[in-house]
Protein backbone atom coordinates (compact mmCIF):
# COMPACT_ATOMS: atom_id res chain seq x y z
CA MET A 1 -217.41 224.28 -30.20
CA THR A 2 -214.18 226.27 -30.44
CA VAL A 3 -211.24 225.28 -32.61
CA GLN A 4 -209.26 224.42 -29.48
CA SER A 5 -212.12 222.24 -28.18
CA ARG A 6 -212.32 220.38 -31.49
CA LYS A 7 -208.56 219.77 -31.39
CA THR A 8 -208.80 218.49 -27.83
CA LEU A 9 -211.68 216.15 -28.70
CA ARG A 10 -209.85 214.89 -31.78
CA SER A 11 -206.72 214.18 -29.73
CA PHE A 12 -208.80 212.32 -27.15
CA VAL A 13 -210.49 210.15 -29.81
CA LEU A 14 -207.17 209.32 -31.48
CA ALA A 15 -205.55 208.49 -28.15
CA THR A 16 -208.46 206.22 -27.25
CA PHE A 17 -208.27 204.48 -30.65
CA PHE A 18 -204.57 203.78 -30.31
CA TRP A 19 -204.95 202.62 -26.69
CA VAL A 20 -207.67 200.12 -27.62
CA PHE A 21 -205.96 198.69 -30.69
CA ALA A 22 -202.34 198.91 -29.61
CA SER A 23 -202.72 197.92 -25.97
CA PRO A 24 -200.57 194.92 -25.00
CA ILE A 25 -203.61 193.49 -23.25
CA SER A 26 -205.12 192.63 -26.64
CA ALA A 27 -201.87 191.34 -28.17
CA SER A 28 -201.26 187.61 -28.52
CA GLU A 29 -198.43 186.03 -26.55
CA LYS A 30 -195.93 184.40 -28.90
CA VAL A 31 -195.08 180.83 -27.90
CA THR A 32 -192.84 178.16 -29.46
CA PHE A 33 -193.41 174.41 -29.21
CA ASN A 34 -191.09 171.58 -30.27
CA MET A 35 -192.88 168.34 -31.27
CA SER A 36 -189.72 166.28 -30.52
CA TRP A 37 -190.10 164.41 -33.81
CA LEU A 38 -191.92 164.52 -37.12
CA PRO A 39 -195.62 165.50 -37.21
CA GLN A 40 -197.65 162.42 -36.35
CA GLY A 41 -200.60 161.14 -34.34
CA SER A 42 -198.91 161.63 -30.98
CA GLN A 43 -198.75 165.36 -31.79
CA SER A 44 -202.26 165.55 -33.24
CA GLY A 45 -203.75 167.59 -30.41
CA PHE A 46 -201.22 170.38 -30.75
CA LEU A 47 -201.56 170.51 -34.53
CA VAL A 48 -205.36 170.45 -34.40
CA ALA A 49 -205.44 173.10 -31.65
CA ASN A 50 -203.36 175.38 -33.84
CA ALA A 51 -205.43 174.70 -36.96
CA LYS A 52 -208.76 175.25 -35.20
CA GLY A 53 -207.63 178.42 -33.44
CA PHE A 54 -207.82 177.04 -29.90
CA TYR A 55 -204.52 178.69 -28.98
CA SER A 56 -205.49 182.04 -30.44
CA ASP A 57 -208.78 181.81 -28.51
CA VAL A 58 -206.77 182.07 -25.27
CA GLY A 59 -204.43 184.76 -26.55
CA LEU A 60 -201.53 182.59 -27.72
CA GLU A 61 -199.74 182.69 -31.06
CA VAL A 62 -198.08 179.26 -31.22
CA THR A 63 -195.36 178.29 -33.67
CA ILE A 64 -194.80 174.52 -33.88
CA TYR A 65 -191.41 173.09 -34.81
CA GLN A 66 -190.25 169.64 -35.88
CA GLY A 67 -187.90 167.97 -33.40
CA TYR A 68 -185.04 165.51 -33.56
CA GLY A 69 -185.72 163.21 -30.62
CA GLY A 70 -187.26 163.50 -27.18
CA GLN A 71 -184.03 163.93 -25.22
CA ARG A 72 -182.68 166.58 -27.55
CA THR A 73 -186.00 168.43 -27.39
CA VAL A 74 -186.02 168.48 -23.58
CA ASN A 75 -182.43 169.73 -23.56
CA GLU A 76 -183.29 172.47 -26.05
CA VAL A 77 -186.22 173.57 -23.87
CA ALA A 78 -183.80 173.77 -20.92
CA GLN A 79 -181.50 175.97 -23.02
CA GLY A 80 -184.36 178.37 -23.81
CA MET A 81 -184.49 177.50 -27.50
CA PHE A 82 -188.21 176.63 -27.19
CA ASP A 83 -190.88 177.58 -24.65
CA PHE A 84 -192.55 174.16 -24.57
CA GLY A 85 -191.61 170.72 -25.83
CA TYR A 86 -193.00 167.21 -26.05
CA GLY A 87 -191.14 164.91 -23.69
CA ASP A 88 -191.47 162.34 -20.93
CA PRO A 89 -190.33 162.04 -17.29
CA LEU A 90 -187.29 159.93 -18.20
CA SER A 91 -185.98 162.61 -20.56
CA VAL A 92 -186.56 165.24 -17.87
CA PHE A 93 -184.72 163.05 -15.35
CA LEU A 94 -181.69 162.76 -17.65
CA ASN A 95 -181.77 166.50 -18.31
CA ARG A 96 -181.73 167.12 -14.55
CA VAL A 97 -178.88 164.66 -13.99
CA ASN A 98 -176.86 166.72 -16.45
CA GLY A 99 -177.66 170.05 -14.81
CA GLY A 100 -180.79 171.03 -16.75
CA ASN A 101 -183.88 172.74 -15.36
CA THR A 102 -186.83 171.22 -17.22
CA LEU A 103 -190.10 170.09 -15.67
CA TYR A 104 -192.80 167.70 -16.87
CA ILE A 105 -195.89 169.89 -16.51
CA SER A 106 -198.66 167.89 -18.17
CA ALA A 107 -199.17 164.23 -19.04
CA ILE A 108 -200.69 163.64 -22.47
CA SER A 109 -200.14 159.87 -22.50
CA ASN A 110 -201.09 158.46 -19.13
CA SER A 111 -199.29 155.20 -19.96
CA ASN A 112 -196.07 154.23 -21.69
CA ALA A 113 -196.49 153.93 -25.47
CA GLY A 114 -193.49 151.68 -26.08
CA ALA A 115 -193.53 148.05 -27.19
CA ILE A 116 -191.49 145.18 -28.58
CA CYS A 117 -192.69 144.28 -32.07
CA TYR A 118 -192.14 141.05 -33.99
CA LEU A 119 -193.18 139.35 -37.20
CA LYS A 120 -196.24 137.35 -36.26
CA GLY A 121 -196.64 133.71 -37.18
CA ASP A 122 -199.56 131.50 -36.24
CA ARG A 123 -199.71 132.66 -32.60
CA ASP A 124 -198.95 135.58 -30.32
CA LEU A 125 -195.59 135.48 -28.57
CA THR A 126 -194.78 136.20 -24.94
CA LEU A 127 -191.51 137.13 -23.26
CA ALA A 128 -190.94 133.43 -22.61
CA ASP A 129 -190.58 132.92 -26.38
CA LEU A 130 -187.92 135.57 -26.89
CA ALA A 131 -184.82 134.21 -25.14
CA GLY A 132 -181.63 135.16 -26.96
CA LYS A 133 -183.37 137.11 -29.71
CA SER A 134 -182.03 140.42 -31.01
CA VAL A 135 -184.00 143.63 -30.59
CA GLY A 136 -183.18 146.75 -32.57
CA ALA A 137 -183.53 150.12 -30.87
CA GLY A 138 -182.33 153.57 -31.87
CA ALA A 139 -178.58 153.96 -31.43
CA THR A 140 -178.98 156.85 -28.98
CA SER A 141 -182.40 155.83 -27.63
CA VAL A 142 -182.92 155.57 -23.86
CA MET A 143 -184.50 152.19 -24.61
CA GLN A 144 -180.94 150.86 -24.66
CA ASN A 145 -181.12 151.37 -20.88
CA VAL A 146 -184.83 150.74 -20.36
CA ILE A 147 -185.06 147.27 -21.93
CA PRO A 148 -182.59 145.57 -19.52
CA ILE A 149 -184.49 146.97 -16.50
CA TRP A 150 -187.81 145.93 -18.06
CA LEU A 151 -186.42 142.39 -18.33
CA GLU A 152 -185.44 142.47 -14.65
CA LEU A 153 -188.96 143.59 -13.73
CA ASN A 154 -190.12 140.40 -15.41
CA LYS A 155 -187.60 138.33 -13.40
CA LEU A 156 -185.35 137.79 -16.41
CA PRO A 157 -181.62 138.52 -16.73
CA ARG A 158 -180.56 141.76 -18.39
CA ASN A 159 -178.92 139.85 -21.25
CA TYR A 160 -182.06 137.80 -21.99
CA LEU A 161 -182.36 139.87 -25.18
CA LYS A 162 -179.52 141.15 -27.35
CA VAL A 163 -180.17 144.89 -27.58
CA LEU A 164 -178.64 146.23 -30.79
CA ARG A 165 -177.97 149.85 -31.73
CA VAL A 166 -179.75 150.59 -35.00
CA SER A 167 -180.30 153.84 -36.85
CA PRO A 168 -183.90 154.93 -36.06
CA GLY A 169 -184.71 155.28 -39.74
CA VAL A 170 -184.06 151.61 -40.50
CA VAL A 171 -185.47 149.82 -37.42
CA ASN A 172 -188.69 148.88 -39.24
CA THR A 173 -187.02 147.73 -42.44
CA SER A 174 -184.43 145.76 -40.46
CA LEU A 175 -187.24 143.79 -38.82
CA LEU A 176 -189.09 143.21 -42.09
CA GLU A 177 -185.90 142.07 -43.82
CA GLY A 178 -185.01 139.67 -41.00
CA LYS A 179 -181.85 141.52 -39.96
CA ILE A 180 -183.19 141.73 -36.38
CA ASP A 181 -185.67 139.48 -34.56
CA LEU A 182 -187.52 142.23 -32.70
CA ALA A 183 -188.00 145.97 -32.98
CA ASP A 184 -188.52 148.70 -30.43
CA CYS A 185 -191.69 150.47 -31.58
CA TRP A 186 -194.11 153.11 -30.34
CA GLU A 187 -197.87 153.51 -30.49
CA GLY A 188 -198.95 156.79 -32.03
CA ASN A 189 -195.59 156.86 -33.76
CA SER A 190 -193.73 154.05 -35.54
CA LEU A 191 -196.12 151.14 -34.91
CA PRO A 192 -198.85 152.03 -37.46
CA LEU A 193 -196.18 152.61 -40.09
CA LEU A 194 -194.61 149.23 -39.33
CA VAL A 195 -198.00 147.50 -39.50
CA GLU A 196 -198.70 149.04 -42.91
CA GLN A 197 -195.24 148.23 -44.26
CA ALA A 198 -195.64 144.64 -43.07
CA ALA A 199 -199.07 144.34 -44.71
CA GLN A 200 -197.60 145.46 -48.02
CA ALA A 201 -195.09 142.62 -47.70
CA GLY A 202 -197.82 140.11 -46.80
CA LYS A 203 -196.77 139.96 -43.14
CA LYS A 204 -198.34 140.72 -39.77
CA ILE A 205 -196.95 142.40 -36.68
CA GLY A 206 -197.25 141.15 -33.11
CA VAL A 207 -196.82 143.45 -30.12
CA ILE A 208 -195.66 143.04 -26.50
CA ARG A 209 -196.38 146.33 -24.72
CA TYR A 210 -194.09 147.49 -21.94
CA ARG A 211 -197.01 148.87 -19.94
CA GLU A 212 -198.72 145.47 -19.92
CA SER A 213 -195.60 143.71 -18.70
CA GLY A 214 -194.22 145.62 -15.77
CA TYR A 215 -193.03 148.99 -17.09
CA ASP A 216 -195.77 151.61 -17.05
CA THR A 217 -194.49 155.14 -16.59
CA TYR A 218 -196.10 158.33 -17.80
CA GLY A 219 -195.60 158.75 -21.52
CA GLY A 220 -195.23 161.84 -23.65
CA GLY A 221 -196.42 165.17 -22.32
CA ILE A 222 -195.59 168.85 -22.12
CA VAL A 223 -192.28 170.06 -20.70
CA ALA A 224 -191.07 173.57 -19.88
CA SER A 225 -188.09 175.08 -18.12
CA GLU A 226 -188.24 176.45 -14.59
CA GLU A 227 -186.98 179.77 -15.93
CA PHE A 228 -189.84 180.04 -18.43
CA LEU A 229 -192.43 179.19 -15.77
CA LYS A 230 -191.04 181.93 -13.51
CA LYS A 231 -190.98 184.57 -16.24
CA ARG A 232 -194.31 183.74 -17.90
CA PRO A 233 -196.36 181.79 -15.34
CA GLN A 234 -199.72 182.64 -16.88
CA ILE A 235 -198.90 181.06 -20.25
CA ALA A 236 -198.49 177.39 -19.27
CA GLY A 237 -202.06 176.83 -18.06
CA LYS A 238 -203.49 178.38 -21.22
CA PHE A 239 -201.26 176.26 -23.44
CA ILE A 240 -202.18 173.05 -21.59
CA GLU A 241 -205.94 173.68 -21.70
CA ALA A 242 -205.95 174.60 -25.39
CA SER A 243 -203.80 171.56 -26.21
CA PHE A 244 -206.22 169.20 -24.47
CA LYS A 245 -209.06 170.80 -26.37
CA GLY A 246 -207.12 169.94 -29.53
CA PHE A 247 -206.65 166.31 -28.46
CA ASP A 248 -210.35 166.01 -27.62
CA ALA A 249 -211.21 167.26 -31.10
CA ALA A 250 -208.71 164.90 -32.73
CA PHE A 251 -209.98 161.85 -30.86
CA ALA A 252 -213.62 162.71 -31.54
CA ALA A 253 -213.01 163.00 -35.30
CA PRO A 254 -209.74 161.31 -36.37
CA ASP A 255 -210.58 161.65 -40.07
CA GLU A 256 -211.12 165.40 -39.82
CA ALA A 257 -208.02 165.76 -37.63
CA ALA A 258 -205.93 163.93 -40.22
CA ASP A 259 -207.18 166.29 -42.93
CA LEU A 260 -206.25 169.33 -40.83
CA ILE A 261 -202.76 167.94 -40.27
CA LEU A 262 -202.37 167.08 -43.96
CA LYS A 263 -203.09 170.69 -44.88
CA GLN A 264 -200.05 171.64 -42.82
CA TYR A 265 -197.90 168.65 -43.84
CA PRO A 266 -199.18 167.35 -47.20
CA THR A 267 -196.52 164.64 -47.61
CA LEU A 268 -197.92 162.57 -44.71
CA GLN A 269 -200.14 159.53 -45.27
CA LYS A 270 -203.72 159.85 -44.05
CA SER A 271 -204.26 156.20 -43.10
CA ILE A 272 -201.12 156.25 -40.94
CA LEU A 273 -202.19 159.47 -39.23
CA ILE A 274 -205.64 158.09 -38.39
CA ALA A 275 -204.15 154.90 -36.94
CA GLN A 276 -201.68 156.92 -34.86
CA ILE A 277 -204.42 159.19 -33.51
CA LYS A 278 -206.53 156.20 -32.47
CA GLU A 279 -203.56 154.61 -30.68
CA VAL A 280 -202.83 157.78 -28.72
CA ALA A 281 -206.50 158.00 -27.73
CA ALA A 282 -206.18 154.59 -26.04
CA ILE A 283 -203.45 155.80 -23.67
CA PHE A 284 -204.78 159.29 -23.08
CA ASP A 285 -205.18 160.93 -19.67
CA ARG A 286 -208.61 159.59 -18.71
CA LYS A 287 -207.36 158.11 -15.42
CA GLN A 288 -206.80 161.65 -14.14
CA LEU A 289 -210.44 162.48 -14.73
CA ALA A 290 -211.51 159.55 -12.55
CA LEU A 291 -209.19 160.81 -9.80
CA ASP A 292 -210.79 164.27 -9.85
CA MET A 293 -207.60 165.88 -11.14
CA ASN A 294 -207.09 168.59 -13.72
CA ARG A 295 -206.45 167.46 -17.26
CA GLY A 296 -202.86 166.32 -17.49
CA ASP A 297 -202.07 166.63 -13.79
CA ILE A 298 -199.38 164.28 -12.52
CA GLN A 299 -199.59 161.91 -9.55
CA PRO A 300 -196.56 162.26 -7.22
CA SER A 301 -196.63 158.54 -6.35
CA ARG A 302 -196.19 157.54 -9.99
CA ILE A 303 -193.23 159.88 -10.43
CA GLN A 304 -191.65 158.45 -7.28
CA GLU A 305 -192.07 154.89 -8.58
CA SER A 306 -190.57 155.91 -11.92
CA LEU A 307 -187.60 157.60 -10.25
CA ILE A 308 -186.65 154.34 -8.55
CA LEU A 309 -186.46 152.67 -11.96
CA PHE A 310 -184.64 155.57 -13.61
CA ARG A 311 -181.92 155.49 -10.96
CA ARG A 312 -181.42 151.77 -11.59
CA MET A 313 -181.19 152.30 -15.33
CA PHE A 314 -178.45 154.92 -15.12
CA ASN A 315 -176.79 154.08 -11.80
CA THR A 316 -177.43 157.52 -10.31
CA GLY A 317 -177.86 158.53 -6.69
CA GLU A 318 -180.94 160.00 -5.07
CA ASN A 319 -180.13 163.67 -5.64
CA ILE A 320 -182.98 164.05 -8.14
CA LYS A 321 -186.30 164.27 -6.27
CA PRO A 322 -189.88 164.00 -7.57
CA SER A 323 -190.27 167.78 -7.24
CA ASP A 324 -187.32 168.16 -9.66
CA ILE A 325 -189.19 166.16 -12.30
CA TYR A 326 -192.73 167.53 -12.41
CA ARG A 327 -194.99 170.42 -11.51
CA ASN A 328 -198.77 170.57 -11.70
CA ILE A 329 -199.80 173.93 -13.13
CA GLU A 330 -202.53 176.01 -11.52
CA ARG A 331 -205.33 176.92 -13.92
């Protein structure tokens, strides 16, 4: 072999090496996700998927961020601050009303996770027992608008309960200290913490779930902006599938899932995490499986029913259509 031939062969080998190892085909796609709140059971699937490498298995490098409320998260997704966020159809609706461009692209919770919580005595209470009582909900929470419509759905006047604006951080303690009669609480989120705090005080918590008394919309799921879906259409399906794999793993082994989350966020309490994970499992997406739908796919009829309620809550017209709220992602 001549010197020139050896140089040519060497150049070819080096070029092949750099093509294989530097090709964008093999590079991971960087993705950001906003949890909408603190790490907790409702986010367990995303956290477990990241810890177990399910995202990297499909070529995604996911960075997960703490959020500061569902509505803010959806708005930040619309502004391009995050690629994906955890939100619900109502937050997407409000974002659209205000000129945003977000879409609900996958349902994690097939049912609403909200509830009215109370200090339990010798029997369970019903709505009939709550006339005139005060309920504390976050000062900027959409539940300030939801609760009056929920009462109407149960053929009760909007002022049947006194809805008070309370700082989210003190809703639980306000109930336990008797400053409010009832508390707005959420499965997979604040409810297990409230139950544990009550037990420490020698008290028990009773629950009236919205979904069991007339108000059953889709709960938390994955949201993205229209702009992101146009620019990077191949990413959403991968993110959804890997996330569901994470939720499956969390629900199959809550104890292990809690340990994985604690490695990322060591200040959390394991017993609370496990209780949250189990609550989310109860309202997961299994109905879609029975309907022969993809994991997380959204039923148009349910969005249409929800839109009717949302318009009543916020006195809006009919400009926002179901297609403005959701999109099922091909995968």
